[in-house]
Amino acid sequence: RIRFWQVGSLLGRDLEIFWQVAPFLVAGIVLALCLGP
């Protein structure tokens, strides 16, 4: 299940996976950019 995932891979990733993690990615990116000052 994880042999390709373990080495770091984008192969076989679909938009369903992206939508699952997108809220966390966007929240983290926005928070990070706001922390600059």
PDB file of all heavy atoms in Angstrom:
ATOM      1  N   ARG A   1       0.814  -1.212   0.000  1.00  0.00           N
ATOM      2  CA  ARG A   1       0.000   0.000   0.000  1.00  0.00           C
ATOM      3  C   ARG A   1       0.849   1.265   0.000  1.00  0.00           C
ATOM      4  O   ARG A   1       0.465   2.258  -0.617  1.00  0.00           O
ATOM      5  CB  ARG A   1      -0.941  -0.008   1.199  1.00  0.00           C
ATOM      6  CG  ARG A   1      -1.743   1.285   1.361  1.00  0.00           C
ATOM      7  CD  ARG A   1      -2.922   1.119   2.287  1.00  0.00           C
ATOM      8  NE  ARG A   1      -4.006   0.374   1.629  1.00  0.00           N
ATOM      9  CZ  ARG A   1      -5.247   0.326   2.101  1.00  0.00           C
ATOM     10  NH1 ARG A   1      -5.566   0.954   3.209  1.00  0.00           N
ATOM     11  NH2 ARG A   1      -6.170  -0.365   1.458  1.00  0.00           N
ATOM     12  N   ILE A   2       1.989   1.252   0.661  1.00  0.00           N
ATOM     13  CA  ILE A   2       2.715   2.518   0.833  1.00  0.00           C
ATOM     14  C   ILE A   2       4.115   2.501   0.242  1.00  0.00           C
ATOM     15  O   ILE A   2       4.888   3.430   0.476  1.00  0.00           O
ATOM     16  CB  ILE A   2       2.812   2.901   2.323  1.00  0.00           C
ATOM     17  CG1 ILE A   2       3.752   1.933   3.053  1.00  0.00           C
ATOM     18  CG2 ILE A   2       1.456   2.943   2.985  1.00  0.00           C
ATOM     19  CD1 ILE A   2       4.159   2.433   4.399  1.00  0.00           C
ATOM     20  N   ARG A   3       4.483   1.482  -0.541  1.00  0.00           N
ATOM     21  CA  ARG A   3       5.875   1.416  -1.003  1.00  0.00           C
ATOM     22  C   ARG A   3       6.253   2.604  -1.864  1.00  0.00           C
ATOM     23  O   ARG A   3       7.386   3.102  -1.788  1.00  0.00           O
ATOM     24  CB  ARG A   3       6.124   0.109  -1.743  1.00  0.00           C
ATOM     25  CG  ARG A   3       5.211  -0.154  -2.916  1.00  0.00           C
ATOM     26  CD  ARG A   3       5.526  -1.481  -3.579  1.00  0.00           C
ATOM     27  NE  ARG A   3       4.579  -1.796  -4.636  1.00  0.00           N
ATOM     28  CZ  ARG A   3       4.737  -2.802  -5.469  1.00  0.00           C
ATOM     29  NH1 ARG A   3       5.794  -3.584  -5.365  1.00  0.00           N
ATOM     30  NH2 ARG A   3       3.843  -3.037  -6.404  1.00  0.00           N
ATOM     31  N   PHE A   4       5.339   3.091  -2.732  1.00  0.00           N
ATOM     32  CA  PHE A   4       5.658   4.268  -3.539  1.00  0.00           C
ATOM     33  C   PHE A   4       5.464   5.544  -2.737  1.00  0.00           C
ATOM     34  O   PHE A   4       6.206   6.513  -2.900  1.00  0.00           O
ATOM     35  CB  PHE A   4       4.788   4.294  -4.798  1.00  0.00           C
ATOM     36  CG  PHE A   4       5.104   3.184  -5.760  1.00  0.00           C
ATOM     37  CD1 PHE A   4       4.192   2.175  -6.010  1.00  0.00           C
ATOM     38  CD2 PHE A   4       6.315   3.145  -6.411  1.00  0.00           C
ATOM     39  CE1 PHE A   4       4.477   1.153  -6.891  1.00  0.00           C
ATOM     40  CE2 PHE A   4       6.623   2.122  -7.293  1.00  0.00           C
ATOM     41  CZ  PHE A   4       5.700   1.123  -7.530  1.00  0.00           C
ATOM     42  N   TRP A   5       4.468   5.546  -1.873  1.00  0.00           N
ATOM     43  CA  TRP A   5       4.230   6.727  -1.035  1.00  0.00           C
ATOM     44  C   TRP A   5       5.421   6.990  -0.129  1.00  0.00           C
ATOM     45  O   TRP A   5       5.782   8.146   0.103  1.00  0.00           O
ATOM     46  CB  TRP A   5       2.964   6.483  -0.212  1.00  0.00           C
ATOM     47  CG  TRP A   5       2.635   7.563   0.756  1.00  0.00           C
ATOM     48  CD1 TRP A   5       1.869   8.673   0.534  1.00  0.00           C
ATOM     49  CD2 TRP A   5       3.073   7.653   2.115  1.00  0.00           C
ATOM     50  NE1 TRP A   5       1.808   9.433   1.661  1.00  0.00           N
ATOM     51  CE2 TRP A   5       2.538   8.827   2.650  1.00  0.00           C
ATOM     52  CE3 TRP A   5       3.864   6.836   2.923  1.00  0.00           C
ATOM     53  CZ2 TRP A   5       2.755   9.222   3.964  1.00  0.00           C
ATOM     54  CZ3 TRP A   5       4.095   7.229   4.227  1.00  0.00           C
ATOM     55  CH2 TRP A   5       3.540   8.410   4.745  1.00  0.00           C
ATOM     56  N   GLN A   6       6.065   5.934   0.377  1.00  0.00           N
ATOM     57  CA  GLN A   6       7.121   6.072   1.363  1.00  0.00           C
ATOM     58  C   GLN A   6       8.325   6.847   0.833  1.00  0.00           C
ATOM     59  O   GLN A   6       8.991   7.554   1.590  1.00  0.00           O
ATOM     60  CB  GLN A   6       7.551   4.686   1.857  1.00  0.00           C
ATOM     61  CG  GLN A   6       8.768   4.674   2.756  1.00  0.00           C
ATOM     62  CD  GLN A   6       8.571   5.440   4.041  1.00  0.00           C
ATOM     63  OE1 GLN A   6       7.438   5.670   4.454  1.00  0.00           O
ATOM     64  NE2 GLN A   6       9.661   5.870   4.646  1.00  0.00           N
ATOM     65  N   VAL A   7       8.650   6.733  -0.452  1.00  0.00           N
ATOM     66  CA  VAL A   7       9.815   7.442  -0.985  1.00  0.00           C
ATOM     67  C   VAL A   7       9.470   8.860  -1.427  1.00  0.00           C
ATOM     68  O   VAL A   7      10.354   9.607  -1.842  1.00  0.00           O
ATOM     69  CB  VAL A   7      10.432   6.684  -2.176  1.00  0.00           C
ATOM     70  CG1 VAL A   7      10.945   5.331  -1.728  1.00  0.00           C
ATOM     71  CG2 VAL A   7       9.442   6.521  -3.316  1.00  0.00           C
ATOM     72  N   GLY A   8       8.211   9.248  -1.312  1.00  0.00           N
ATOM     73  CA  GLY A   8       7.790  10.572  -1.755  1.00  0.00           C
ATOM     74  C   GLY A   8       7.432  10.557  -3.222  1.00  0.00           C
ATOM     75  O   GLY A   8       8.310  10.520  -4.080  1.00  0.00           O
ATOM     76  N   SER A   9       6.148  10.534  -3.514  1.00  0.00           N
ATOM     77  CA  SER A   9       5.720  10.359  -4.898  1.00  0.00           C
ATOM     78  C   SER A   9       4.431  11.120  -5.158  1.00  0.00           C
ATOM     79  O   SER A   9       3.578  11.233  -4.274  1.00  0.00           O
ATOM     80  CB  SER A   9       5.510   8.871  -5.205  1.00  0.00           C
ATOM     81  OG  SER A   9       4.990   8.699  -6.503  1.00  0.00           O
ATOM     82  N   LEU A  10       4.294  11.617  -6.389  1.00  0.00           N
ATOM     83  CA  LEU A  10       3.040  12.214  -6.855  1.00  0.00           C
ATOM     84  C   LEU A  10       2.321  11.291  -7.818  1.00  0.00           C
ATOM     85  O   LEU A  10       1.227  11.618  -8.287  1.00  0.00           O
ATOM     86  CB  LEU A  10       3.323  13.554  -7.554  1.00  0.00           C
ATOM     87  CG  LEU A  10       4.019  14.619  -6.704  1.00  0.00           C
ATOM     88  CD1 LEU A  10       4.275  15.878  -7.537  1.00  0.00           C
ATOM     89  CD2 LEU A  10       3.201  14.970  -5.473  1.00  0.00           C
ATOM     90  N   LEU A  11       2.914  10.133  -8.105  1.00  0.00           N
ATOM     91  CA  LEU A  11       2.324   9.201  -9.056  1.00  0.00           C
ATOM     92  C   LEU A  11       1.028   8.622  -8.494  1.00  0.00           C
ATOM     93  O   LEU A  11       0.970   8.169  -7.351  1.00  0.00           O
ATOM     94  CB  LEU A  11       3.305   8.064  -9.355  1.00  0.00           C
ATOM     95  CG  LEU A  11       2.834   6.979 -10.324  1.00  0.00           C
ATOM     96  CD1 LEU A  11       2.581   7.566 -11.699  1.00  0.00           C
ATOM     97  CD2 LEU A  11       3.854   5.854 -10.390  1.00  0.00           C
ATOM     98  N   GLY A  12      -0.016   8.642  -9.327  1.00  0.00           N
ATOM     99  CA  GLY A  12      -1.288   8.057  -8.931  1.00  0.00           C
ATOM    100  C   GLY A  12      -2.125   8.908  -8.010  1.00  0.00           C
ATOM    101  O   GLY A  12      -3.200   8.481  -7.580  1.00  0.00           O
ATOM    102  N   ARG A  13      -1.681  10.104  -7.673  1.00  0.00           N
ATOM    103  CA  ARG A  13      -2.479  10.981  -6.809  1.00  0.00           C
ATOM    104  C   ARG A  13      -3.589  11.614  -7.632  1.00  0.00           C
ATOM    105  O   ARG A  13      -3.359  12.086  -8.752  1.00  0.00           O
ATOM    106  CB  ARG A  13      -1.611  12.067  -6.182  1.00  0.00           C
ATOM    107  CG  ARG A  13      -0.415  11.557  -5.387  1.00  0.00           C
ATOM    108  CD  ARG A  13      -0.824  10.563  -4.317  1.00  0.00           C
ATOM    109  NE  ARG A  13       0.237  10.320  -3.351  1.00  0.00           N
ATOM    110  CZ  ARG A  13       1.127   9.340  -3.419  1.00  0.00           C
ATOM    111  NH1 ARG A  13       1.093   8.515  -4.439  1.00  0.00           N
ATOM    112  NH2 ARG A  13       2.034   9.173  -2.495  1.00  0.00           N
ATOM    113  N   ASP A  14      -4.787  11.644  -7.098  1.00  0.00           N
ATOM    114  CA  ASP A  14      -5.905  12.237  -7.824  1.00  0.00           C
ATOM    115  C   ASP A  14      -6.442  13.434  -7.052  1.00  0.00           C
ATOM    116  O   ASP A  14      -6.007  13.731  -5.929  1.00  0.00           O
ATOM    117  CB  ASP A  14      -7.015  11.203  -8.077  1.00  0.00           C
ATOM    118  CG  ASP A  14      -7.491  10.538  -6.790  1.00  0.00           C
ATOM    119  OD1 ASP A  14      -7.392  11.161  -5.727  1.00  0.00           O
ATOM    120  OD2 ASP A  14      -7.953   9.389  -6.861  1.00  0.00           O
ATOM    121  N   LEU A  15      -7.410  14.118  -7.668  1.00  0.00           N
ATOM    122  CA  LEU A  15      -7.945  15.325  -7.042  1.00  0.00           C
ATOM    123  C   LEU A  15      -8.723  15.024  -5.773  1.00  0.00           C
ATOM    124  O   LEU A  15      -8.892  15.907  -4.922  1.00  0.00           O
ATOM    125  CB  LEU A  15      -8.843  16.070  -8.036  1.00  0.00           C
ATOM    126  CG  LEU A  15      -8.117  16.817  -9.155  1.00  0.00           C
ATOM    127  CD1 LEU A  15      -9.114  17.514 -10.072  1.00  0.00           C
ATOM    128  CD2 LEU A  15      -7.143  17.850  -8.573  1.00  0.00           C
ATOM    129  N   GLU A  16      -9.189  13.793  -5.605  1.00  0.00           N
ATOM    130  CA  GLU A  16      -9.870  13.451  -4.356  1.00  0.00           C
ATOM    131  C   GLU A  16      -8.925  13.594  -3.170  1.00  0.00           C
ATOM    132  O   GLU A  16      -9.301  14.131  -2.112  1.00  0.00           O
ATOM    133  CB  GLU A  16     -10.403  12.018  -4.430  1.00  0.00           C
ATOM    134  CG  GLU A  16     -11.142  11.592  -3.167  1.00  0.00           C
ATOM    135  CD  GLU A  16     -11.634  10.158  -3.243  1.00  0.00           C
ATOM    136  OE1 GLU A  16     -11.449   9.525  -4.304  1.00  0.00           O
ATOM    137  OE2 GLU A  16     -12.181   9.678  -2.240  1.00  0.00           O
ATOM    138  N   ILE A  17      -7.680  13.122  -3.341  1.00  0.00           N
ATOM    139  CA  ILE A  17      -6.687  13.282  -2.280  1.00  0.00           C
ATOM    140  C   ILE A  17      -6.403  14.753  -2.036  1.00  0.00           C
ATOM    141  O   ILE A  17      -6.288  15.197  -0.890  1.00  0.00           O
ATOM    142  CB  ILE A  17      -5.398  12.529  -2.653  1.00  0.00           C
ATOM    143  CG1 ILE A  17      -5.650  11.018  -2.678  1.00  0.00           C
ATOM    144  CG2 ILE A  17      -4.270  12.861  -1.681  1.00  0.00           C
ATOM    145  CD1 ILE A  17      -4.447  10.201  -3.086  1.00  0.00           C
ATOM    146  N   PHE A  18      -6.309  15.523  -3.131  1.00  0.00           N
ATOM    147  CA  PHE A  18      -6.025  16.946  -2.965  1.00  0.00           C
ATOM    148  C   PHE A  18      -7.126  17.639  -2.173  1.00  0.00           C
ATOM    149  O   PHE A  18      -6.845  18.419  -1.257  1.00  0.00           O
ATOM    150  CB  PHE A  18      -5.864  17.618  -4.329  1.00  0.00           C
ATOM    151  CG  PHE A  18      -5.798  19.116  -4.234  1.00  0.00           C
ATOM    152  CD1 PHE A  18      -4.672  19.741  -3.730  1.00  0.00           C
ATOM    153  CD2 PHE A  18      -6.870  19.898  -4.636  1.00  0.00           C
ATOM    154  CE1 PHE A  18      -4.611  21.122  -3.629  1.00  0.00           C
ATOM    155  CE2 PHE A  18      -6.812  21.283  -4.544  1.00  0.00           C
ATOM    156  CZ  PHE A  18      -5.685  21.888  -4.036  1.00  0.00           C
ATOM    157  N   TRP A  19      -8.376  17.373  -2.510  1.00  0.00           N
ATOM    158  CA  TRP A  19      -9.469  18.043  -1.801  1.00  0.00           C
ATOM    159  C   TRP A  19      -9.521  17.633  -0.339  1.00  0.00           C
ATOM    160  O   TRP A  19      -9.992  18.391   0.509  1.00  0.00           O
ATOM    161  CB  TRP A  19     -10.805  17.755  -2.482  1.00  0.00           C
ATOM    162  CG  TRP A  19     -10.939  18.399  -3.826  1.00  0.00           C
ATOM    163  CD1 TRP A  19     -11.158  17.774  -5.016  1.00  0.00           C
ATOM    164  CD2 TRP A  19     -10.825  19.799  -4.142  1.00  0.00           C
ATOM    165  NE1 TRP A  19     -11.187  18.689  -6.050  1.00  0.00           N
ATOM    166  CE2 TRP A  19     -10.989  19.932  -5.540  1.00  0.00           C
ATOM    167  CE3 TRP A  19     -10.599  20.939  -3.382  1.00  0.00           C
ATOM    168  CZ2 TRP A  19     -10.946  21.166  -6.179  1.00  0.00           C
ATOM    169  CZ3 TRP A  19     -10.547  22.170  -4.013  1.00  0.00           C
ATOM    170  CH2 TRP A  19     -10.718  22.277  -5.396  1.00  0.00           C
ATOM    171  N   GLN A  20      -9.044  16.451  -0.024  1.00  0.00           N
ATOM    172  CA  GLN A  20      -9.022  16.017   1.371  1.00  0.00           C
ATOM    173  C   GLN A  20      -8.021  16.818   2.204  1.00  0.00           C
ATOM    174  O   GLN A  20      -8.282  17.126   3.375  1.00  0.00           O
ATOM    175  CB  GLN A  20      -8.679  14.526   1.435  1.00  0.00           C
ATOM    176  CG  GLN A  20      -9.774  13.617   0.904  1.00  0.00           C
ATOM    177  CD  GLN A  20      -9.283  12.213   0.650  1.00  0.00           C
ATOM    178  OE1 GLN A  20      -8.127  11.894   0.918  1.00  0.00           O
ATOM    179  NE2 GLN A  20     -10.150  11.358   0.135  1.00  0.00           N
ATOM    180  N   VAL A  21      -6.880  17.141   1.610  1.00  0.00           N
ATOM    181  CA  VAL A  21      -5.845  17.853   2.367  1.00  0.00           C
ATOM    182  C   VAL A  21      -5.834  19.346   2.072  1.00  0.00           C
ATOM    183  O   VAL A  21      -5.142  20.096   2.776  1.00  0.00           O
ATOM    184  CB  VAL A  21      -4.453  17.259   2.074  1.00  0.00           C
ATOM    185  CG1 VAL A  21      -4.400  15.793   2.443  1.00  0.00           C
ATOM    186  CG2 VAL A  21      -4.063  17.445   0.606  1.00  0.00           C
ATOM    187  N   ALA A  22      -6.579  19.796   1.062  1.00  0.00           N
ATOM    188  CA  ALA A  22      -6.536  21.205   0.654  1.00  0.00           C
ATOM    189  C   ALA A  22      -6.868  22.169   1.788  1.00  0.00           C
ATOM    190  O   ALA A  22      -6.182  23.193   1.941  1.00  0.00           O
ATOM    191  CB  ALA A  22      -7.464  21.432  -0.542  1.00  0.00           C
ATOM    192  N   PRO A  23      -7.909  21.925   2.601  1.00  0.00           N
ATOM    193  CA  PRO A  23      -8.189  22.893   3.679  1.00  0.00           C
ATOM    194  C   PRO A  23      -7.019  23.078   4.629  1.00  0.00           C
ATOM    195  O   PRO A  23      -6.744  24.196   5.075  1.00  0.00           O
ATOM    196  CB  PRO A  23      -9.403  22.265   4.399  1.00  0.00           C
ATOM    197  CG  PRO A  23     -10.045  21.391   3.384  1.00  0.00           C
ATOM    198  CD  PRO A  23      -8.923  20.851   2.560  1.00  0.00           C
ATOM    199  N   PHE A  24      -6.301  21.997   4.924  1.00  0.00           N
ATOM    200  CA  PHE A  24      -5.166  22.088   5.835  1.00  0.00           C
ATOM    201  C   PHE A  24      -3.980  22.779   5.164  1.00  0.00           C
ATOM    202  O   PHE A  24      -3.279  23.578   5.800  1.00  0.00           O
ATOM    203  CB  PHE A  24      -4.783  20.686   6.306  1.00  0.00           C
ATOM    204  CG  PHE A  24      -5.918  19.915   6.898  1.00  0.00           C
ATOM    205  CD1 PHE A  24      -6.557  18.926   6.169  1.00  0.00           C
ATOM    206  CD2 PHE A  24      -6.369  20.187   8.180  1.00  0.00           C
ATOM    207  CE1 PHE A  24      -7.608  18.214   6.708  1.00  0.00           C
ATOM    208  CE2 PHE A  24      -7.427  19.481   8.731  1.00  0.00           C
ATOM    209  CZ  PHE A  24      -8.051  18.493   7.988  1.00  0.00           C
ATOM    210  N   LEU A  25      -3.757  22.465   3.889  1.00  0.00           N
ATOM    211  CA  LEU A  25      -2.676  23.131   3.158  1.00  0.00           C
ATOM    212  C   LEU A  25      -2.923  24.627   3.052  1.00  0.00           C
ATOM    213  O   LEU A  25      -2.027  25.435   3.323  1.00  0.00           O
ATOM    214  CB  LEU A  25      -2.536  22.524   1.759  1.00  0.00           C
ATOM    215  CG  LEU A  25      -1.896  21.134   1.651  1.00  0.00           C
ATOM    216  CD1 LEU A  25      -2.023  20.611   0.229  1.00  0.00           C
ATOM    217  CD2 LEU A  25      -0.437  21.187   2.067  1.00  0.00           C
ATOM    218  N   VAL A  26      -4.133  25.009   2.670  1.00  0.00           N
ATOM    219  CA  VAL A  26      -4.451  26.428   2.503  1.00  0.00           C
ATOM    220  C   VAL A  26      -4.362  27.151   3.840  1.00  0.00           C
ATOM    221  O   VAL A  26      -3.800  28.255   3.936  1.00  0.00           O
ATOM    222  CB  VAL A  26      -5.843  26.595   1.873  1.00  0.00           C
ATOM    223  CG1 VAL A  26      -6.259  28.060   1.866  1.00  0.00           C
ATOM    224  CG2 VAL A  26      -5.851  26.039   0.445  1.00  0.00           C
ATOM    225  N   ALA A  27      -4.911  26.539   4.897  1.00  0.00           N
ATOM    226  CA  ALA A  27      -4.848  27.175   6.217  1.00  0.00           C
ATOM    227  C   ALA A  27      -3.404  27.359   6.665  1.00  0.00           C
ATOM    228  O   ALA A  27      -3.032  28.414   7.197  1.00  0.00           O
ATOM    229  CB  ALA A  27      -5.621  26.333   7.236  1.00  0.00           C
ATOM    230  N   GLY A  28      -2.571  26.329   6.456  1.00  0.00           N
ATOM    231  CA  GLY A  28      -1.176  26.435   6.843  1.00  0.00           C
ATOM    232  C   GLY A  28      -0.424  27.483   6.046  1.00  0.00           C
ATOM    233  O   GLY A  28       0.388  28.242   6.599  1.00  0.00           O
ATOM    234  N   ILE A  29      -0.682  27.556   4.741  1.00  0.00           N
ATOM    235  CA  ILE A  29      -0.004  28.541   3.894  1.00  0.00           C
ATOM    236  C   ILE A  29      -0.406  29.960   4.284  1.00  0.00           C
ATOM    237  O   ILE A  29       0.442  30.856   4.426  1.00  0.00           O
ATOM    238  CB  ILE A  29      -0.321  28.268   2.407  1.00  0.00           C
ATOM    239  CG1 ILE A  29       0.373  26.980   1.953  1.00  0.00           C
ATOM    240  CG2 ILE A  29       0.124  29.440   1.530  1.00  0.00           C
ATOM    241  CD1 ILE A  29      -0.031  26.520   0.568  1.00  0.00           C
ATOM    242  N   VAL A  30      -1.709  30.192   4.476  1.00  0.00           N
ATOM    243  CA  VAL A  30      -2.181  31.533   4.855  1.00  0.00           C
ATOM    244  C   VAL A  30      -1.609  31.941   6.209  1.00  0.00           C
ATOM    245  O   VAL A  30      -1.124  33.069   6.392  1.00  0.00           O
ATOM    246  CB  VAL A  30      -3.718  31.569   4.862  1.00  0.00           C
ATOM    247  CG1 VAL A  30      -4.214  32.885   5.456  1.00  0.00           C
ATOM    248  CG2 VAL A  30      -4.262  31.388   3.451  1.00  0.00           C
ATOM    249  N   LEU A  31      -1.664  31.025   7.174  1.00  0.00           N
ATOM    250  CA  LEU A  31      -1.126  31.331   8.508  1.00  0.00           C
ATOM    251  C   LEU A  31       0.362  31.627   8.433  1.00  0.00           C
ATOM    252  O   LEU A  31       0.851  32.574   9.065  1.00  0.00           O
ATOM    253  CB  LEU A  31      -1.397  30.158   9.446  1.00  0.00           C
ATOM    254  CG  LEU A  31      -0.862  30.283  10.880  1.00  0.00           C
ATOM    255  CD1 LEU A  31      -1.423  31.523  11.559  1.00  0.00           C
ATOM    256  CD2 LEU A  31      -1.197  29.028  11.680  1.00  0.00           C
ATOM    257  N   ALA A  32       1.101  30.843   7.658  1.00  0.00           N
ATOM    258  CA  ALA A  32       2.545  31.058   7.540  1.00  0.00           C
ATOM    259  C   ALA A  32       2.856  32.433   6.953  1.00  0.00           C
ATOM    260  O   ALA A  32       3.729  33.154   7.460  1.00  0.00           O
ATOM    261  CB  ALA A  32       3.161  29.956   6.683  1.00  0.00           C
ATOM    262  N   LEU A  33       2.166  32.797   5.895  1.00  0.00           N
ATOM    263  CA  LEU A  33       2.437  34.093   5.263  1.00  0.00           C
ATOM    264  C   LEU A  33       2.078  35.256   6.181  1.00  0.00           C
ATOM    265  O   LEU A  33       2.694  36.321   6.107  1.00  0.00           O
ATOM    266  CB  LEU A  33       1.649  34.191   3.948  1.00  0.00           C
ATOM    267  CG  LEU A  33       2.086  33.210   2.847  1.00  0.00           C
ATOM    268  CD1 LEU A  33       1.189  33.352   1.625  1.00  0.00           C
ATOM    269  CD2 LEU A  33       3.544  33.431   2.453  1.00  0.00           C
ATOM    270  N   CYS A  34       1.084  35.063   7.045  1.00  0.00           N
ATOM    271  CA  CYS A  34       0.693  36.129   7.978  1.00  0.00           C
ATOM    272  C   CYS A  34       1.694  36.294   9.118  1.00  0.00           C
ATOM    273  O   CYS A  34       1.676  37.330   9.800  1.00  0.00           O
ATOM    274  CB  CYS A  34      -0.689  35.848   8.552  1.00  0.00           C
ATOM    275  SG  CYS A  34      -2.042  35.989   7.359  1.00  0.00           S
ATOM    276  N   LEU A  35       2.548  35.303   9.335  1.00  0.00           N
ATOM    277  CA  LEU A  35       3.485  35.344  10.451  1.00  0.00           C
ATOM    278  C   LEU A  35       4.783  36.077  10.136  1.00  0.00           C
ATOM    279  O   LEU A  35       5.629  36.211  11.016  1.00  0.00           O
ATOM    280  CB  LEU A  35       3.812  33.914  10.899  1.00  0.00           C
ATOM    281  CG  LEU A  35       2.720  33.175  11.681  1.00  0.00           C
ATOM    282  CD1 LEU A  35       3.078  31.709  11.818  1.00  0.00           C
ATOM    283  CD2 LEU A  35       2.526  33.810  13.043  1.00  0.00           C
ATOM    284  N   GLY A  36       4.954  36.551   8.900  1.00  0.00           N
ATOM    285  CA  GLY A  36       6.203  37.192   8.513  1.00  0.00           C
ATOM    286  C   GLY A  36       6.646  38.317   9.427  1.00  0.00           C
ATOM    287  O   GLY A  36       7.780  38.295   9.951  1.00  0.00           O
ATOM    288  N   PRO A  37       5.814  39.348   9.660  1.00  0.00           N
ATOM    289  CA  PRO A  37       6.245  40.442  10.534  1.00  0.00           C
ATOM    290  C   PRO A  37       6.575  39.980  11.953  1.00  0.00           C
ATOM    291  O   PRO A  37       7.523  40.471  12.569  1.00  0.00           O
ATOM    292  CB  PRO A  37       5.037  41.399  10.522  1.00  0.00           C
ATOM    293  CG  PRO A  37       4.312  41.076   9.257  1.00  0.00           C
ATOM    294  CD  PRO A  37       4.502  39.617   9.045  1.00  0.00           C
TER     295      PRO A  37
END
